[in-house]
Protein backbone atom coordinates (compact mmCIF):
# COMPACT_ATOMS: atom_id res chain seq x y z
CA UNK A 1 30.64 -25.00 -33.40
CA UNK A 2 31.46 -26.10 -29.86
CA UNK A 3 31.46 -23.36 -27.11
CA UNK A 4 31.24 -22.91 -23.24
CA UNK A 5 30.27 -19.74 -21.67
CA UNK A 6 28.72 -18.12 -18.69
CA UNK A 7 24.90 -18.36 -18.58
CA UNK A 8 24.21 -14.92 -17.35
CA UNK A 9 26.46 -13.20 -19.83
CA UNK A 10 24.72 -15.19 -22.60
CA UNK A 11 21.31 -14.42 -21.24
CA UNK A 12 22.02 -10.71 -21.08
CA UNK A 13 23.32 -10.61 -24.71
CA UNK A 14 20.25 -12.47 -25.92
CA UNK A 15 17.97 -10.00 -24.15
CA UNK A 16 19.39 -7.22 -26.31
CA UNK A 17 19.98 -9.04 -29.61
CA UNK A 18 16.56 -10.70 -29.67
CA UNK A 19 14.87 -7.19 -29.77
CA UNK A 20 15.69 -6.95 -33.41
CA UNK A 21 14.31 -10.56 -34.22
CA UNK A 22 11.04 -10.53 -36.12
CA UNK A 23 7.92 -11.93 -34.59
CA UNK A 24 5.71 -11.88 -37.54
CA UNK A 25 7.44 -12.98 -40.81
CA UNK A 26 7.30 -15.55 -43.62
CA UNK A 27 11.13 -15.88 -43.45
CA UNK A 28 11.87 -18.11 -40.37
CA UNK A 29 15.62 -16.90 -40.40
CA UNK A 30 14.50 -13.54 -39.35
CA UNK A 31 13.05 -15.03 -36.12
CA UNK A 32 16.49 -16.28 -35.15
CA UNK A 33 19.61 -14.81 -33.48
CA UNK A 34 22.99 -15.47 -34.98
CA UNK A 35 25.80 -16.99 -32.80
CA UNK A 36 29.32 -16.55 -34.20
CA UNK A 37 32.12 -18.10 -32.27
CA UNK A 38 35.74 -17.24 -33.17
CA UNK A 39 39.08 -18.88 -32.59
CA UNK A 40 40.35 -16.15 -30.30
CA UNK A 41 37.75 -17.15 -27.67
CA UNK A 42 35.04 -14.61 -28.44
CA UNK A 43 31.32 -14.93 -29.22
CA UNK A 44 29.05 -12.41 -30.93
CA UNK A 45 25.31 -12.62 -31.02
CA UNK A 46 23.20 -10.66 -33.58
CA UNK A 47 19.51 -10.14 -34.32
CA UNK A 48 18.02 -8.67 -37.42
CA UNK A 49 14.77 -8.22 -39.24
CA UNK A 50 16.37 -6.32 -42.13
CA UNK A 51 15.08 -2.90 -40.87
CA UNK A 52 16.91 -3.10 -37.52
CA UNK A 53 20.16 -5.02 -36.77
CA UNK A 54 21.59 -5.42 -33.34
CA UNK A 55 25.13 -6.81 -32.68
CA UNK A 56 26.18 -7.52 -29.18
CA UNK A 57 29.86 -6.81 -28.28
CA UNK A 58 32.03 -9.86 -28.09
CA UNK A 59 31.46 -11.92 -24.99
CA UNK A 60 34.13 -14.22 -23.64
CA UNK A 61 33.81 -17.89 -24.41
CA UNK A 62 35.78 -21.09 -24.35
CA UNK A 63 35.78 -21.82 -28.04
CA UNK A 64 36.50 -25.51 -28.65
CA UNK A 65 35.43 -25.31 -32.31
CA UNK A 66 34.67 -22.07 -34.18
CA UNK A 67 31.57 -21.61 -36.25
CA UNK A 68 28.17 -20.08 -36.53
CA UNK A 69 24.51 -20.95 -36.27
CA UNK A 70 21.11 -19.27 -36.36
CA UNK A 71 18.77 -20.23 -33.57
CA UNK A 72 15.11 -19.35 -32.91
CA UNK A 73 15.43 -16.19 -30.58
CA UNK A 74 12.30 -16.79 -28.46
CA UNK A 75 12.98 -20.43 -27.94
CA UNK A 76 16.77 -20.33 -27.39
CA UNK A 77 16.24 -17.46 -25.00
CA UNK A 78 13.73 -19.35 -23.04
CA UNK A 79 15.92 -22.50 -22.90
CA UNK A 80 18.90 -20.35 -21.65
CA UNK A 81 16.85 -18.79 -18.92
CA UNK A 82 15.61 -22.24 -17.65
CA UNK A 83 18.99 -23.72 -17.12
CA UNK A 84 19.99 -23.74 -13.48
CA UNK A 85 23.70 -24.12 -14.07
CA UNK A 86 26.24 -21.18 -14.14
CA UNK A 87 27.75 -22.20 -17.41
CA UNK A 88 26.25 -23.60 -20.72
CA UNK A 89 27.83 -25.60 -23.50
CA UNK A 90 26.54 -25.36 -27.08
CA UNK A 91 27.59 -27.85 -29.72
CA UNK A 92 26.30 -28.02 -33.29
CA UNK A 93 26.31 -30.80 -35.88
CA UNK A 94 26.42 -30.80 -39.67
CA UNK A 95 22.60 -30.81 -39.80
CA UNK A 96 22.49 -27.43 -37.90
CA UNK A 97 21.18 -28.89 -34.69
CA UNK A 98 22.33 -27.37 -31.47
CA UNK A 99 22.81 -29.37 -28.31
CA UNK A 100 22.64 -27.14 -25.17
CA UNK A 101 23.96 -28.60 -21.92
CA UNK A 102 24.01 -27.15 -18.41
CA UNK A 103 24.56 -29.35 -15.36
CA UNK A 104 22.57 -32.59 -15.90
CA UNK A 105 20.24 -30.84 -18.40
CA UNK A 106 20.37 -31.54 -22.15
CA UNK A 107 18.33 -29.99 -24.86
CA UNK A 108 18.48 -30.30 -28.56
CA UNK A 109 16.96 -27.70 -30.92
CA UNK A 110 17.05 -27.36 -34.76
CA UNK A 111 18.87 -24.42 -36.15
CA UNK A 112 19.62 -22.87 -39.48
CA UNK A 113 22.78 -22.10 -41.42
CA UNK A 114 24.48 -19.04 -40.00
CA UNK A 115 25.49 -18.03 -43.55
CA UNK A 116 21.86 -17.43 -44.53
CA UNK A 117 21.41 -14.87 -41.71
CA UNK A 118 20.85 -11.29 -43.08
CA UNK A 119 24.10 -9.43 -42.11
CA UNK A 120 24.36 -5.65 -42.88
CA UNK A 121 27.47 -5.32 -45.24
CA UNK A 122 30.37 -3.48 -43.42
CA UNK A 123 30.81 -1.41 -46.68
CA UNK A 124 27.23 0.05 -46.05
CA UNK A 125 28.09 1.24 -42.52
CA UNK A 126 31.65 2.49 -43.34
CA UNK A 127 30.49 5.53 -45.25
CA UNK A 128 31.14 7.69 -42.20
CA UNK A 129 31.13 11.52 -42.72
CA UNK A 130 31.13 12.47 -38.98
CA UNK A 131 30.80 10.50 -35.70
CA UNK A 132 28.67 12.26 -33.03
CA UNK A 133 28.81 11.42 -29.37
CA UNK A 134 26.20 11.89 -26.53
CA UNK A 135 25.82 10.60 -23.10
CA UNK A 136 23.53 7.62 -22.93
CA UNK A 137 21.23 9.00 -20.27
CA UNK A 138 20.83 12.28 -22.28
CA UNK A 139 19.89 10.49 -25.57
CA UNK A 140 17.64 8.15 -23.75
CA UNK A 141 15.80 11.01 -22.01
CA UNK A 142 15.45 12.92 -25.43
CA UNK A 143 13.79 9.78 -27.00
CA UNK A 144 11.50 9.19 -24.04
CA UNK A 145 10.38 12.79 -24.20
CA UNK A 146 9.24 12.53 -27.76
CA UNK A 147 8.65 8.91 -28.87
CA UNK A 148 5.01 8.95 -27.81
CA UNK A 149 4.11 11.60 -30.49
CA UNK A 150 5.25 9.39 -33.35
CA UNK A 151 2.47 8.78 -35.80
CA UNK A 152 0.94 5.28 -36.21
CA UNK A 153 -0.43 6.11 -39.56
CA UNK A 154 1.38 3.84 -42.16
CA UNK A 155 -0.09 6.02 -44.83
CA UNK A 156 2.24 8.79 -43.80
CA UNK A 157 5.44 6.61 -43.42
CA UNK A 158 7.81 9.58 -42.76
CA UNK A 159 5.86 10.52 -39.68
CA UNK A 160 6.22 7.04 -38.20
CA UNK A 161 9.84 8.06 -37.44
CA UNK A 162 11.67 10.65 -35.41
CA UNK A 163 13.61 13.52 -37.03
CA UNK A 164 17.26 13.67 -35.71
CA UNK A 165 18.51 17.02 -36.80
CA UNK A 166 21.75 18.80 -35.88
CA UNK A 167 21.83 22.50 -36.72
CA UNK A 168 23.98 25.33 -35.14
CA UNK A 169 25.46 22.89 -32.64
CA UNK A 170 21.99 21.89 -31.42
CA UNK A 171 20.69 18.26 -31.64
CA UNK A 172 16.92 18.27 -31.95
CA UNK A 173 14.62 15.15 -31.97
CA UNK A 174 11.10 15.76 -33.16
CA UNK A 175 8.06 13.55 -33.45
CA UNK A 176 4.81 14.59 -35.10
CA UNK A 177 1.49 12.66 -35.55
CA UNK A 178 -0.53 15.51 -37.06
CA UNK A 179 -2.21 16.19 -33.76
CA UNK A 180 0.82 16.84 -31.64
CA UNK A 181 4.43 17.53 -31.72
CA UNK A 182 7.12 16.30 -29.33
CA UNK A 183 10.32 18.24 -29.33
CA UNK A 184 13.55 17.84 -27.41
CA UNK A 185 16.89 19.56 -27.89
CA UNK A 186 20.47 19.26 -26.51
CA UNK A 187 23.54 21.36 -27.15
CA UNK A 188 26.45 19.73 -29.03
CA UNK A 189 30.13 20.76 -29.05
CA UNK A 190 30.91 23.89 -31.04
CA UNK A 191 31.59 23.18 -34.60
CA UNK A 192 29.52 20.04 -34.76
CA UNK A 193 28.61 19.43 -38.41
CA UNK A 194 24.89 19.82 -39.35
CA UNK A 195 22.96 16.81 -40.46
CA UNK A 196 19.37 15.66 -40.66
CA UNK A 197 17.72 12.18 -40.87
CA UNK A 198 14.48 10.41 -40.00
CA UNK A 199 14.88 7.21 -37.89
CA UNK A 200 11.93 4.79 -37.47
CA UNK A 201 10.04 5.06 -34.29
CA UNK A 202 10.46 1.44 -33.65
CA UNK A 203 14.23 1.70 -33.83
CA UNK A 204 14.31 4.62 -31.55
CA UNK A 205 12.00 2.85 -29.07
CA UNK A 206 14.23 -0.12 -28.94
CA UNK A 207 17.24 1.93 -28.67
CA UNK A 208 15.87 3.74 -25.64
CA UNK A 209 15.18 0.43 -23.95
CA UNK A 210 18.65 -0.71 -24.59
CA UNK A 211 20.50 2.47 -23.50
CA UNK A 212 21.77 2.43 -19.80
CA UNK A 213 20.64 5.23 -17.67
CA UNK A 214 24.12 6.58 -16.96
CA UNK A 215 26.83 8.62 -18.60
CA UNK A 216 28.16 5.88 -20.98
CA UNK A 217 28.92 7.47 -24.32
CA UNK A 218 26.96 6.67 -27.35
CA UNK A 219 28.62 7.11 -30.80
CA UNK A 220 26.26 7.59 -33.75
CA UNK A 221 26.64 8.41 -37.43
CA UNK A 222 24.63 8.46 -40.59
CA UNK A 223 25.39 6.88 -43.98
CA UNK A 224 23.32 7.23 -47.11
CA UNK A 225 20.57 4.81 -46.03
CA UNK A 226 21.28 3.88 -42.36
CA UNK A 227 22.07 5.19 -38.94
CA UNK A 228 24.44 3.41 -36.53
CA UNK A 229 24.47 3.70 -32.80
CA UNK A 230 27.37 2.21 -30.84
CA UNK A 231 28.05 1.66 -27.16
CA UNK A 232 30.74 -0.46 -25.51
CA UNK A 233 28.18 -3.21 -25.34
CA UNK A 234 26.17 -3.20 -28.61
CA UNK A 235 25.86 -1.77 -32.13
CA UNK A 236 22.34 -0.98 -33.56
CA UNK A 237 22.07 -0.35 -37.19
CA UNK A 238 18.63 0.96 -38.57
CA UNK A 239 17.38 1.87 -42.00
CA UNK A 240 16.50 5.56 -42.50
CA UNK A 241 13.03 6.67 -43.63
CA UNK A 242 12.93 8.40 -46.96
CA UNK A 243 10.96 11.53 -47.45
CA UNK A 244 10.49 15.15 -46.37
CA UNK A 245 9.67 15.67 -42.82
CA UNK A 246 7.16 18.38 -41.78
CA UNK A 247 8.73 21.80 -41.24
CA UNK A 248 8.00 21.69 -37.49
CA UNK A 249 10.02 25.02 -37.00
CA UNK A 250 7.28 26.98 -38.75
CA UNK A 251 4.56 25.63 -36.53
CA UNK A 252 5.79 26.58 -32.97
CA UNK A 253 5.00 30.20 -31.82
CA UNK A 254 5.79 31.82 -28.47
CA UNK A 255 3.02 34.28 -28.97
CA UNK A 256 -0.10 33.80 -26.77
CA UNK A 257 -3.43 35.37 -25.83
CA UNK A 258 -3.58 33.22 -22.58
CA UNK A 259 -0.70 31.84 -20.63
CA UNK A 260 -0.93 29.60 -17.57
CA UNK A 261 1.64 28.52 -15.07
CA UNK A 262 0.54 25.45 -13.21
CA UNK A 263 1.74 22.67 -11.02
CA UNK A 264 2.54 19.70 -13.27
CA UNK A 265 1.35 16.86 -11.07
CA UNK A 266 -1.81 18.66 -9.94
CA UNK A 267 -2.82 19.12 -13.48
CA UNK A 268 -1.82 15.45 -14.51
CA UNK A 269 -3.75 14.13 -11.59
CA UNK A 270 -6.94 16.12 -12.61
CA UNK A 271 -6.72 14.83 -16.20
CA UNK A 272 -6.08 11.29 -15.18
CA UNK A 273 -9.36 11.49 -13.06
CA UNK A 274 -11.15 12.96 -15.95
CA UNK A 275 -10.54 9.98 -18.26
CA UNK A 276 -11.79 7.49 -15.65
CA UNK A 277 -15.17 7.59 -17.23
CA UNK A 278 -13.91 6.87 -20.71
CA UNK A 279 -15.50 3.76 -22.32
CA UNK A 280 -13.09 0.99 -23.60
CA UNK A 281 -10.31 3.71 -24.00
CA UNK A 282 -12.42 5.69 -26.44
CA UNK A 283 -11.49 9.35 -26.70
CA UNK A 284 -13.68 11.59 -24.60
CA UNK A 285 -13.12 15.35 -24.97
CA UNK A 286 -12.24 17.35 -21.96
CA UNK A 287 -12.82 21.14 -21.65
CA UNK A 288 -10.38 23.38 -19.88
CA UNK A 289 -12.04 26.55 -18.62
CA UNK A 290 -9.31 29.10 -17.74
CA UNK A 291 -10.22 32.04 -15.68
CA UNK A 292 -9.29 33.97 -12.47
CA UNK A 293 -6.20 31.96 -11.74
CA UNK A 294 -8.10 28.66 -12.07
CA UNK A 295 -8.56 25.85 -14.48
CA UNK A 296 -11.89 23.97 -14.34
CA UNK A 297 -11.66 20.61 -16.17
CA UNK A 298 -14.89 18.89 -17.30
CA UNK A 299 -15.39 15.42 -19.09
CA UNK A 300 -18.59 13.50 -19.79
CA UNK A 301 -19.62 10.10 -21.14
CA UNK A 302 -22.38 7.64 -20.79
CA UNK A 303 -20.69 6.37 -17.72
CA UNK A 304 -20.74 9.63 -15.92
CA UNK A 305 -19.28 13.17 -15.45
CA UNK A 306 -16.21 14.63 -14.01
CA UNK A 307 -15.61 18.11 -12.77
CA UNK A 308 -12.28 19.13 -11.26
CA UNK A 309 -10.34 22.31 -10.59
CA UNK A 310 -6.69 23.30 -10.41
CA UNK A 311 -5.29 26.54 -9.08
CA UNK A 312 -2.82 28.27 -11.42
CA UNK A 313 -1.40 31.66 -12.43
CA UNK A 314 -2.97 33.08 -15.55
CA UNK A 315 -2.07 35.92 -17.77
CA UNK A 316 -4.31 37.30 -20.68
CA UNK A 317 -7.73 36.45 -21.83
CA UNK A 318 -10.21 33.95 -20.33
CA UNK A 319 -10.50 30.93 -22.49
CA UNK A 320 -12.49 27.64 -22.80
CA UNK A 321 -10.89 25.08 -25.09
CA UNK A 322 -11.37 21.32 -25.75
CA UNK A 323 -8.74 18.52 -25.98
CA UNK A 324 -8.02 14.85 -26.27
CA UNK A 325 -6.86 14.40 -22.63
CA UNK A 326 -4.49 11.63 -23.54
CA UNK A 327 -2.28 13.88 -25.50
CA UNK A 328 -1.98 16.21 -22.55
CA UNK A 329 -1.31 13.30 -20.13
CA UNK A 330 1.43 11.88 -22.40
CA UNK A 331 3.29 15.26 -22.43
CA UNK A 332 2.93 15.88 -18.72
CA UNK A 333 4.17 12.45 -17.73
CA UNK A 334 7.66 12.95 -19.42
CA UNK A 335 8.24 16.57 -18.28
CA UNK A 336 10.35 16.43 -15.16
CA UNK A 337 9.89 19.92 -13.82
CA UNK A 338 7.46 20.94 -10.93
CA UNK A 339 5.67 23.54 -12.92
CA UNK A 340 4.69 23.92 -16.52
CA UNK A 341 3.76 26.70 -18.84
CA UNK A 342 0.77 26.56 -21.27
CA UNK A 343 0.41 29.05 -24.02
CA UNK A 344 -2.92 29.40 -25.81
CA UNK A 345 -4.14 31.65 -28.69
CA UNK A 346 -7.62 30.72 -29.94
CA UNK A 347 -9.96 27.82 -29.36
CA UNK A 348 -8.66 26.22 -32.58
CA UNK A 349 -5.00 27.08 -32.22
CA UNK A 350 -2.51 24.48 -30.72
CA UNK A 351 -1.36 24.90 -27.14
CA UNK A 352 2.30 24.85 -26.34
CA UNK A 353 3.37 22.95 -23.29
CA UNK A 354 6.77 23.28 -21.77
CA UNK A 355 8.57 23.15 -18.40
CA UNK A 356 8.75 26.46 -16.56
CA UNK A 357 12.47 26.57 -16.73
CA UNK A 358 13.17 28.42 -19.96
CA UNK A 359 16.46 26.63 -20.50
CA UNK A 360 14.81 23.22 -20.66
CA UNK A 361 15.05 21.67 -24.08
CA UNK A 362 11.78 20.09 -24.53
CA UNK A 363 8.34 21.36 -25.44
CA UNK A 364 5.01 19.96 -26.90
CA UNK A 365 2.32 21.26 -29.18
CA UNK A 366 -1.16 19.83 -29.03
CA UNK A 367 -3.97 20.59 -31.54
CA UNK A 368 -7.39 21.24 -29.80
CA UNK A 369 -10.74 19.67 -30.60
CA UNK A 370 -13.35 21.76 -32.30
CA UNK A 371 -15.85 23.00 -29.65
CA UNK A 372 -19.23 21.17 -29.65
CA UNK A 373 -22.10 22.98 -31.26
């Protein structure tokens, strides 16, 4: 392989493709990105750890000799970044060494045969039943509004992913970690076929980071074992998680004994102050004492004590309830409305949090802590 191409275009492509490269593996090939140069003057770059694969749309290159090679993603990316020239040439030999040149700089690195790189067979991603489309900024927002609620417990593997469910022309993305639920929804075109699949939290997180915050269209579809996301710049393929997701729709309830309408930023600020006395990020419970259009927030640890108050509108019974404050903070940070609505029932029943606008498509459910004796 012998190619010449623009440094910035190469650097941008590597930034995306290397997201799929493994950092902890016994297979060195999975730490690589694959460069594929074609006779028609195009170069593709791919990364894969077998669970997630990212293919970057063809970037222009002067292809003097077509071919492929797998190069260590971290090292190659750093080499390209350090070049001061606007263009870079890459030439490989029969021993899979790659000589990279830019200006007066010349670096030689060892590569691996491109044929050994794990490529997802096209036959496995051509089993398309229906292609769905959504604006990039909408999908990105839905993921960001829920991804923090994905479980980290590998013993409940299905909950380490996010449910993508389309039912009755509504796309729902749901994450559950047994202590909270993040839920976001978006209307789809009339007649959109129903479907349901669980995508790993890692794949969704990487997808969110790659998606542009604009109205670029994202195409996505599901096969038997994989999900495929495509934009004009990249394609991501991820393995679906197998198992039965929790019936989240049976958990949410709009009934309440106590309802609070409160300024989001005021409540968020009070909660962030309440965790300042936490020791080494350990969980410290906070109490919410709701009465007379006011919430009194208390937290205590060996480092000190915090008491704060936030005015609000209340309806229903007075209530004192305990929570892990970080769960509340995570939810409040991704809601983009000025006021939020909190609905409580008993001291042991989950609270529902949502923006005041009833049309908004996201809400959260947080399980309280048991009151101290």
